[in-house]
C-alpha atoms as a PDB file:
ATOM      1  CA  MET A   1      -1.959  13.093 -28.810  1.00  0.00           C
ATOM      2  CA  MET A   2       1.289  12.104 -27.091  1.00  0.00           C
ATOM      3  CA  PHE A   3       0.622  14.563 -24.247  1.00  0.00           C
ATOM      4  CA  THR A   4      -2.831  13.059 -23.592  1.00  0.00           C
ATOM      5  CA  LEU A   5      -1.280   9.595 -23.484  1.00  0.00           C
ATOM      6  CA  LEU A   6       1.305  10.772 -20.937  1.00  0.00           C
ATOM      7  CA  ILE A   7      -1.398  12.239 -18.685  1.00  0.00           C
ATOM      8  CA  LEU A   8      -3.389   9.003 -18.934  1.00  0.00           C
ATOM      9  CA  VAL A   9      -0.362   6.839 -18.084  1.00  0.00           C
ATOM     10  CA  GLY A  10       0.582   9.128 -15.190  1.00  0.00           C
ATOM     11  CA  TYR A  11      -2.966   8.973 -13.834  1.00  0.00           C
ATOM     12  CA  VAL A  12      -3.006   5.170 -14.002  1.00  0.00           C
ATOM     13  CA  ILE A  13       0.354   4.997 -12.198  1.00  0.00           C
ATOM     14  CA  VAL A  14      -0.882   7.315  -9.427  1.00  0.00           C
ATOM     15  CA  VAL A  15      -4.110   5.351  -8.936  1.00  0.00           C
ATOM     16  CA  ALA A  16      -2.281   2.013  -8.950  1.00  0.00           C
ATOM     17  CA  GLY A  17       0.295   3.430  -6.535  1.00  0.00           C
ATOM     18  CA  GLN A  18      -2.428   4.525  -4.126  1.00  0.00           C
ATOM     19  CA  GLN A  19      -4.018   1.057  -4.215  1.00  0.00           C
ATOM     20  CA  VAL A  20      -0.661  -0.574  -3.476  1.00  0.00           C
ATOM     21  CA  THR A  21       0.046   1.916  -0.670  1.00  0.00           C
ATOM     22  CA  ILE A  22      -3.353   1.308   0.946  1.00  0.00           C
ATOM     23  CA  GLU A  23      -2.887  -2.478   0.779  1.00  0.00           C
ATOM     24  CA  THR A  24       0.660  -2.212   2.118  1.00  0.00           C
ATOM     25  CA  ILE A  25      -0.482  -0.030   5.039  1.00  0.00           C
ATOM     26  CA  SER A  26      -3.303  -2.405   6.004  1.00  0.00           C
ATOM     27  CA  HIS A  27      -0.926  -5.376   5.734  1.00  0.00           C
ATOM     28  CA  SER A  28       1.704  -3.696   7.908  1.00  0.00           C
ATOM     29  CA  ASN A  29      -0.994  -2.904  10.493  1.00  0.00           C
ATOM     30  CA  GLU A  30      -1.954  -6.586  10.592  1.00  0.00           C
ATOM     31  CA  ASP A  31       1.706  -7.563  10.910  1.00  0.00           C
ATOM     32  CA  ARG A  32       2.199  -5.069  13.744  1.00  0.00           C
ATOM     33  CA  GLU A  33      -0.781  -6.489  15.646  1.00  0.00           C
ATOM     34  CA  ARG A  34       0.538 -10.019  15.097  1.00  0.00           C
ATOM     35  CA  PHE A  35       3.963  -8.928  16.320  1.00  0.00           C
ATOM     36  CA  ILE A  36       2.473  -7.296  19.446  1.00  0.00           C
ATOM     37  CA  ASN A  37       0.494 -10.480  20.158  1.00  0.00           C
ATOM     38  CA  LEU A  38       3.686 -12.531  19.800  1.00  0.00           C
ATOM     39  CA  LYS A  39       5.549 -10.226  22.199  1.00  0.00           C
ATOM     40  CA  ASP A  40       2.733 -10.582  24.751  1.00  0.00           C
ATOM     41  CA  LYS A  41       2.921 -14.384  24.505  1.00  0.00           C
ATOM     42  CA  VAL A  42       6.694 -14.302  24.989  1.00  0.00           C
ATOM     43  CA  LYS A  43       6.436 -12.318  28.245  1.00  0.00           C
END
């Protein structure tokens, strides 16, 4: 029983981690584009 619970918890953590990673990557891409736009304006 305990082992099944551990697998379940581990699975949830992995899935949640992937969601967070995907969101973080898309956010950082937006930030990079914003930063590039700012640099172009500064020139």
